[in-house]
PDB file of N, CA and C in Angstrom:
ATOM      1  N   UNK A   1      19.824  47.699 -19.896  1.00  0.00           N
ATOM      2  CA  UNK A   1      19.143  48.178 -18.764  1.00  0.00           C
ATOM      3  C   UNK A   1      18.159  47.582 -18.470  1.00  0.00           C
ATOM      4  N   UNK A   2      16.940  47.139 -17.411  1.00  0.00           N
ATOM      5  CA  UNK A   2      15.945  46.567 -17.510  1.00  0.00           C
ATOM      6  C   UNK A   2      14.962  47.485 -17.197  1.00  0.00           C
ATOM      7  N   UNK A   3      14.691  47.633 -17.701  1.00  0.00           N
ATOM      8  CA  UNK A   3      13.444  49.168 -17.652  1.00  0.00           C
ATOM      9  C   UNK A   3      12.468  49.003 -16.930  1.00  0.00           C
ATOM     10  N   UNK A   4      12.090  47.811 -17.094  1.00  0.00           N
ATOM     11  CA  UNK A   4      10.657  47.220 -16.294  1.00  0.00           C
ATOM     12  C   UNK A   4      11.139  46.558 -15.277  1.00  0.00           C
ATOM     13  N   UNK A   5      12.147  45.996 -14.551  1.00  0.00           N
ATOM     14  CA  UNK A   5      12.496  45.707 -13.350  1.00  0.00           C
ATOM     15  C   UNK A   5      12.791  46.965 -12.666  1.00  0.00           C
ATOM     16  N   UNK A   6      13.006  48.096 -13.211  1.00  0.00           N
ATOM     17  CA  UNK A   6      13.610  49.426 -13.136  1.00  0.00           C
ATOM     18  C   UNK A   6      11.941  49.752 -12.546  1.00  0.00           C
ATOM     19  N   UNK A   7      11.319  49.709 -13.008  1.00  0.00           N
ATOM     20  CA  UNK A   7      10.166  50.444 -13.134  1.00  0.00           C
ATOM     21  C   UNK A   7       9.371  50.064 -11.133  1.00  0.00           C
ATOM     22  N   UNK A   8       9.202  48.214 -12.317  1.00  0.00           N
ATOM     23  CA  UNK A   8       8.791  47.777 -10.885  1.00  0.00           C
ATOM     24  C   UNK A   8       9.019  48.175  -9.217  1.00  0.00           C
ATOM     25  N   UNK A   9      10.519  48.467  -9.342  1.00  0.00           N
ATOM     26  CA  UNK A   9      11.067  49.145  -8.268  1.00  0.00           C
ATOM     27  C   UNK A   9      10.796  50.246  -7.488  1.00  0.00           C
ATOM     28  N   UNK A  10      10.713  51.005  -8.507  1.00  0.00           N
ATOM     29  CA  UNK A  10      10.293  52.014  -8.296  1.00  0.00           C
ATOM     30  C   UNK A  10       8.752  52.202  -7.646  1.00  0.00           C
ATOM     31  N   UNK A  11       7.620  51.769  -8.585  1.00  0.00           N
ATOM     32  CA  UNK A  11       6.713  51.303  -7.766  1.00  0.00           C
ATOM     33  C   UNK A  11       6.630  50.785  -6.734  1.00  0.00           C
ATOM     34  N   UNK A  12       7.094  49.957  -6.106  1.00  0.00           N
ATOM     35  CA  UNK A  12       7.245  49.124  -4.581  1.00  0.00           C
ATOM     36  C   UNK A  12       7.763  50.375  -3.898  1.00  0.00           C
ATOM     37  N   UNK A  13       8.619  50.966  -4.173  1.00  0.00           N
ATOM     38  CA  UNK A  13       9.460  52.251  -3.806  1.00  0.00           C
ATOM     39  C   UNK A  13       8.739  52.821  -2.828  1.00  0.00           C
ATOM     40  N   UNK A  14       7.711  53.374  -4.310  1.00  0.00           N
ATOM     41  CA  UNK A  14       6.564  54.995  -4.232  1.00  0.00           C
ATOM     42  C   UNK A  14       5.871  54.121  -3.361  1.00  0.00           C
ATOM     43  N   UNK A  15       4.828  53.035  -4.000  1.00  0.00           N
ATOM     44  CA  UNK A  15       4.244  52.364  -2.722  1.00  0.00           C
ATOM     45  C   UNK A  15       3.925  52.053  -1.640  1.00  0.00           C
ATOM     46  N   UNK A  16       5.102  51.999  -1.079  1.00  0.00           N
ATOM     47  CA  UNK A  16       5.657  51.114   0.391  1.00  0.00           C
ATOM     48  C   UNK A  16       5.434  52.537   1.148  1.00  0.00           C
ATOM     49  N   UNK A  17       6.326  53.184   0.790  1.00  0.00           N
ATOM     50  CA  UNK A  17       6.983  54.506   1.309  1.00  0.00           C
ATOM     51  C   UNK A  17       5.467  55.634   1.892  1.00  0.00           C
ATOM     52  N   UNK A  18       4.294  55.360   0.580  1.00  0.00           N
ATOM     53  CA  UNK A  18       3.482  56.151   0.993  1.00  0.00           C
ATOM     54  C   UNK A  18       2.838  55.933   1.835  1.00  0.00           C
ATOM     55  N   UNK A  19       2.465  54.350   1.312  1.00  0.00           N
ATOM     56  CA  UNK A  19       1.789  53.745   2.370  1.00  0.00           C
ATOM     57  C   UNK A  19       1.705  53.702   3.600  1.00  0.00           C
ATOM     58  N   UNK A  20       3.377  53.658   4.100  1.00  0.00           N
ATOM     59  CA  UNK A  20       4.267  53.777   5.701  1.00  0.00           C
ATOM     60  C   UNK A  20       3.557  55.117   6.489  1.00  0.00           C
ATOM     61  N   UNK A  21       3.653  56.451   5.625  1.00  0.00           N
ATOM     62  CA  UNK A  21       3.700  57.219   6.357  1.00  0.00           C
ATOM     63  C   UNK A  21       1.916  57.854   5.837  1.00  0.00           C
ATOM     64  N   UNK A  22       0.779  56.856   5.476  1.00  0.00           N
ATOM     65  CA  UNK A  22      -0.700  57.723   5.104  1.00  0.00           C
ATOM     66  C   UNK A  22      -0.580  56.441   6.741  1.00  0.00           C
ATOM     67  N   UNK A  23      -0.312  54.793   6.979  1.00  0.00           N
ATOM     68  CA  UNK A  23      -0.343  54.498   7.990  1.00  0.00           C
ATOM     69  C   UNK A  23       0.384  54.873   9.001  1.00  0.00           C
ATOM     70  N   UNK A  24       0.774  55.747   9.393  1.00  0.00           N
ATOM     71  CA  UNK A  24       1.828  56.632  10.655  1.00  0.00           C
ATOM     72  C   UNK A  24       0.313  57.841  10.581  1.00  0.00           C
ATOM     73  N   UNK A  25       0.551  58.634   9.934  1.00  0.00           N
ATOM     74  CA  UNK A  25      -0.353  59.388   9.754  1.00  0.00           C
ATOM     75  C   UNK A  25      -1.770  58.971  10.621  1.00  0.00           C
ATOM     76  N   UNK A  26      -2.421  58.135  10.208  1.00  0.00           N
ATOM     77  CA  UNK A  26      -3.852  57.616  10.367  1.00  0.00           C
ATOM     78  C   UNK A  26      -3.584  57.135  12.192  1.00  0.00           C
ATOM     79  N   UNK A  27      -2.696  57.075  13.086  1.00  0.00           N
ATOM     80  CA  UNK A  27      -2.047  56.205  14.035  1.00  0.00           C
ATOM     81  C   UNK A  27      -1.950  57.525  14.769  1.00  0.00           C
ATOM     82  N   UNK A  28      -0.790  58.527  14.567  1.00  0.00           N
ATOM     83  CA  UNK A  28      -1.351  59.816  15.374  1.00  0.00           C
ATOM     84  C   UNK A  28      -2.458  59.795  15.150  1.00  0.00           C
ATOM     85  N   UNK A  29      -3.651  60.247  13.676  1.00  0.00           N
ATOM     86  CA  UNK A  29      -4.371  61.075  14.207  1.00  0.00           C
ATOM     87  C   UNK A  29      -5.754  60.372  15.358  1.00  0.00           C
ATOM     88  N   UNK A  30      -5.267  58.782  15.056  1.00  0.00           N
ATOM     89  CA  UNK A  30      -6.197  58.009  16.119  1.00  0.00           C
ATOM     90  C   UNK A  30      -5.824  58.701  17.250  1.00  0.00           C
ATOM     91  N   UNK A  31      -4.767  58.280  17.662  1.00  0.00           N
ATOM     92  CA  UNK A  31      -4.149  58.522  19.014  1.00  0.00           C
ATOM     93  C   UNK A  31      -4.560  59.833  19.602  1.00  0.00           C
ATOM     94  N   UNK A  32      -4.282  60.725  18.598  1.00  0.00           N
ATOM     95  CA  UNK A  32      -4.571  62.181  19.240  1.00  0.00           C
ATOM     96  C   UNK A  32      -5.985  62.299  19.716  1.00  0.00           C
ATOM     97  N   UNK A  33      -7.234  61.571  18.949  1.00  0.00           N
ATOM     98  CA  UNK A  33      -8.662  62.086  18.726  1.00  0.00           C
ATOM     99  C   UNK A  33      -8.718  61.351  19.993  1.00  0.00           C
ATOM    100  N   UNK A  34      -7.727  59.950  20.454  1.00  0.00           N
ATOM    101  CA  UNK A  34      -8.290  59.277  21.322  1.00  0.00           C
ATOM    102  C   UNK A  34      -7.907  60.176  23.073  1.00  0.00           C
ATOM    103  N   UNK A  35      -6.835  60.727  22.998  1.00  0.00           N
ATOM    104  CA  UNK A  35      -6.178  61.992  23.987  1.00  0.00           C
ATOM    105  C   UNK A  35      -7.135  62.421  24.115  1.00  0.00           C
ATOM    106  N   UNK A  36      -7.323  63.301  23.040  1.00  0.00           N
ATOM    107  CA  UNK A  36      -8.841  64.198  22.928  1.00  0.00           C
ATOM    108  C   UNK A  36      -9.964  64.148  23.992  1.00  0.00           C
ATOM    109  N   UNK A  37     -10.503  62.465  23.887  1.00  0.00           N
ATOM    110  CA  UNK A  37     -11.884  62.557  24.578  1.00  0.00           C
ATOM    111  C   UNK A  37     -11.171  62.042  25.630  1.00  0.00           C
ATOM    112  N   UNK A  38      -9.924  61.766  25.780  1.00  0.00           N
ATOM    113  CA  UNK A  38      -9.491  61.541  27.530  1.00  0.00           C
ATOM    114  C   UNK A  38      -9.865  62.403  28.174  1.00  0.00           C
ATOM    115  N   UNK A  39      -9.167  63.938  27.628  1.00  0.00           N
ATOM    116  CA  UNK A  39      -9.419  64.391  28.144  1.00  0.00           C
ATOM    117  C   UNK A  39     -10.745  65.308  28.611  1.00  0.00           C
ATOM    118  N   UNK A  40     -11.914  65.102  27.269  1.00  0.00           N
ATOM    119  CA  UNK A  40     -12.721  65.205  27.458  1.00  0.00           C
ATOM    120  C   UNK A  40     -13.822  64.684  28.634  1.00  0.00           C
ATOM    121  N   UNK A  41     -13.249  63.476  29.299  1.00  0.00           N
ATOM    122  CA  UNK A  41     -13.997  63.098  30.008  1.00  0.00           C
ATOM    123  C   UNK A  41     -13.976  61.661  29.760  1.00  0.00           C
ATOM    124  N   UNK A  42     -14.109  61.191  28.654  1.00  0.00           N
ATOM    125  CA  UNK A  42     -14.480  59.653  28.039  1.00  0.00           C
ATOM    126  C   UNK A  42     -13.575  59.246  26.999  1.00  0.00           C
ATOM    127  N   UNK A  43     -13.876  58.332  26.247  1.00  0.00           N
ATOM    128  CA  UNK A  43     -12.925  57.662  25.835  1.00  0.00           C
ATOM    129  C   UNK A  43     -13.314  57.284  23.609  1.00  0.00           C
ATOM    130  N   UNK A  44     -12.781  57.685  23.286  1.00  0.00           N
ATOM    131  CA  UNK A  44     -12.855  57.494  21.944  1.00  0.00           C
ATOM    132  C   UNK A  44     -12.339  55.678  21.477  1.00  0.00           C
ATOM    133  N   UNK A  45     -12.637  54.858  21.501  1.00  0.00           N
ATOM    134  CA  UNK A  45     -12.610  53.313  21.057  1.00  0.00           C
ATOM    135  C   UNK A  45     -11.561  53.086  19.832  1.00  0.00           C
ATOM    136  N   UNK A  46     -12.895  54.099  18.354  1.00  0.00           N
ATOM    137  CA  UNK A  46     -12.128  54.020  17.589  1.00  0.00           C
ATOM    138  C   UNK A  46     -11.078  54.185  17.292  1.00  0.00           C
ATOM    139  N   UNK A  47     -10.879  55.818  18.070  1.00  0.00           N
ATOM    140  CA  UNK A  47      -9.371  56.671  17.239  1.00  0.00           C
ATOM    141  C   UNK A  47      -7.977  55.174  18.007  1.00  0.00           C
ATOM    142  N   UNK A  48      -8.527  54.442  19.535  1.00  0.00           N
ATOM    143  CA  UNK A  48      -7.637  53.945  19.587  1.00  0.00           C
ATOM    144  C   UNK A  48      -7.448  52.367  18.811  1.00  0.00           C
ATOM    145  N   UNK A  49      -8.310  52.465  18.482  1.00  0.00           N
ATOM    146  CA  UNK A  49      -8.069  51.157  17.838  1.00  0.00           C
ATOM    147  C   UNK A  49      -7.491  50.906  16.399  1.00  0.00           C
ATOM    148  N   UNK A  50      -8.042  52.449  15.646  1.00  0.00           N
ATOM    149  CA  UNK A  50      -7.040  53.106  14.718  1.00  0.00           C
ATOM    150  C   UNK A  50      -5.373  52.805  14.967  1.00  0.00           C
ATOM    151  N   UNK A  51      -5.268  53.664  15.821  1.00  0.00           N
ATOM    152  CA  UNK A  51      -4.050  53.868  15.871  1.00  0.00           C
ATOM    153  C   UNK A  51      -3.135  52.335  16.423  1.00  0.00           C
ATOM    154  N   UNK A  52      -3.660  51.792  17.424  1.00  0.00           N
ATOM    155  CA  UNK A  52      -3.213  50.316  17.583  1.00  0.00           C
ATOM    156  C   UNK A  52      -2.877  49.650  16.210  1.00  0.00           C
ATOM    157  N   UNK A  53      -3.973  49.341  15.266  1.00  0.00           N
ATOM    158  CA  UNK A  53      -3.407  48.619  13.851  1.00  0.00           C
ATOM    159  C   UNK A  53      -2.706  49.248  13.791  1.00  0.00           C
ATOM    160  N   UNK A  54      -2.598  50.998  13.284  1.00  0.00           N
ATOM    161  CA  UNK A  54      -1.843  51.313  12.489  1.00  0.00           C
ATOM    162  C   UNK A  54      -0.259  51.018  12.575  1.00  0.00           C
ATOM    163  N   UNK A  55      -0.003  51.225  13.611  1.00  0.00           N
ATOM    164  CA  UNK A  55       0.899  51.694  14.381  1.00  0.00           C
ATOM    165  C   UNK A  55       1.506  49.842  14.459  1.00  0.00           C
ATOM    166  N   UNK A  56       0.460  48.987  14.347  1.00  0.00           N
ATOM    167  CA  UNK A  56       0.835  47.289  14.496  1.00  0.00           C
ATOM    168  C   UNK A  56       1.059  47.311  12.685  1.00  0.00           C
ATOM    169  N   UNK A  57       0.897  48.151  11.974  1.00  0.00           N
ATOM    170  CA  UNK A  57       1.023  47.584  10.257  1.00  0.00           C
ATOM    171  C   UNK A  57       2.585  48.288  10.093  1.00  0.00           C
ATOM    172  N   UNK A  58       2.705  49.177  10.484  1.00  0.00           N
ATOM    173  CA  UNK A  58       3.901  50.036  10.729  1.00  0.00           C
ATOM    174  C   UNK A  58       4.797  49.190  10.827  1.00  0.00           C
ATOM    175  N   UNK A  59       4.959  48.597  12.133  1.00  0.00           N
ATOM    176  CA  UNK A  59       5.849  47.871  12.605  1.00  0.00           C
ATOM    177  C   UNK A  59       6.114  46.262  11.849  1.00  0.00           C
ATOM    178  N   UNK A  60       5.124  46.309  11.370  1.00  0.00           N
ATOM    179  CA  UNK A  60       5.245  45.136  10.592  1.00  0.00           C
ATOM    180  C   UNK A  60       5.307  44.823   9.098  1.00  0.00           C
ATOM    181  N   UNK A  61       5.604  46.242   8.630  1.00  0.00           N
ATOM    182  CA  UNK A  61       6.280  47.040   7.488  1.00  0.00           C
ATOM    183  C   UNK A  61       7.859  46.523   7.168  1.00  0.00           C
ATOM    184  N   UNK A  62       8.324  47.429   8.814  1.00  0.00           N
ATOM    185  CA  UNK A  62       9.690  47.378   9.188  1.00  0.00           C
ATOM    186  C   UNK A  62      10.155  45.706   9.212  1.00  0.00           C
ATOM    187  N   UNK A  63       9.583  44.935   9.740  1.00  0.00           N
ATOM    188  CA  UNK A  63       9.960  43.602   9.704  1.00  0.00           C
ATOM    189  C   UNK A  63      10.208  43.276   8.719  1.00  0.00           C
ATOM    190  N   UNK A  64       9.484  43.018   7.719  1.00  0.00           N
ATOM    191  CA  UNK A  64       9.511  42.619   6.701  1.00  0.00           C
ATOM    192  C   UNK A  64      10.629  42.982   6.011  1.00  0.00           C
ATOM    193  N   UNK A  65      10.149  44.328   5.889  1.00  0.00           N
ATOM    194  CA  UNK A  65      11.774  45.260   4.721  1.00  0.00           C
ATOM    195  C   UNK A  65      13.002  44.767   5.589  1.00  0.00           C
ATOM    196  N   UNK A  66      12.779  44.066   6.989  1.00  0.00           N
ATOM    197  CA  UNK A  66      14.533  43.751   7.575  1.00  0.00           C
ATOM    198  C   UNK A  66      14.911  42.557   7.113  1.00  0.00           C
ATOM    199  N   UNK A  67      13.027  41.590   6.938  1.00  0.00           N
ATOM    200  CA  UNK A  67      13.530  39.780   6.922  1.00  0.00           C
ATOM    201  C   UNK A  67      13.778  40.328   5.441  1.00  0.00           C
ATOM    202  N   UNK A  68      13.405  41.222   4.251  1.00  0.00           N
ATOM    203  CA  UNK A  68      13.618  40.621   3.489  1.00  0.00           C
ATOM    204  C   UNK A  68      15.075  40.747   2.737  1.00  0.00           C
ATOM    205  N   UNK A  69      15.586  41.836   3.660  1.00  0.00           N
ATOM    206  CA  UNK A  69      16.832  42.750   3.274  1.00  0.00           C
ATOM    207  C   UNK A  69      17.870  41.612   3.735  1.00  0.00           C
ATOM    208  N   UNK A  70      17.269  40.729   5.228  1.00  0.00           N
ATOM    209  CA  UNK A  70      19.011  40.508   6.049  1.00  0.00           C
ATOM    210  C   UNK A  70      18.164  38.695   4.958  1.00  0.00           C
ATOM    211  N   UNK A  71      17.170  38.124   4.373  1.00  0.00           N
ATOM    212  CA  UNK A  71      17.243  37.115   3.784  1.00  0.00           C
ATOM    213  C   UNK A  71      17.959  36.719   2.140  1.00  0.00           C
ATOM    214  N   UNK A  72      18.595  38.056   1.910  1.00  0.00           N
ATOM    215  CA  UNK A  72      19.203  38.277   0.643  1.00  0.00           C
ATOM    216  C   UNK A  72      20.712  37.780   0.986  1.00  0.00           C
TER     217      UNK A  72
END
């Protein structure tokens, strides 16, 4: 068994999994902050920007994952 390669796979999976969850949570938080500001009559550009960037990176992560699977 090649333990070093297994360790790399486990590390990559954990990093990607945690990163995806954090990015999605930041997107939801930004969207929520923007929605709360809109209800109060204002706008939270930072919240909206955070949401757009976070969700875009989440979609990119899924796209890269599919591309890696299909390429093999």
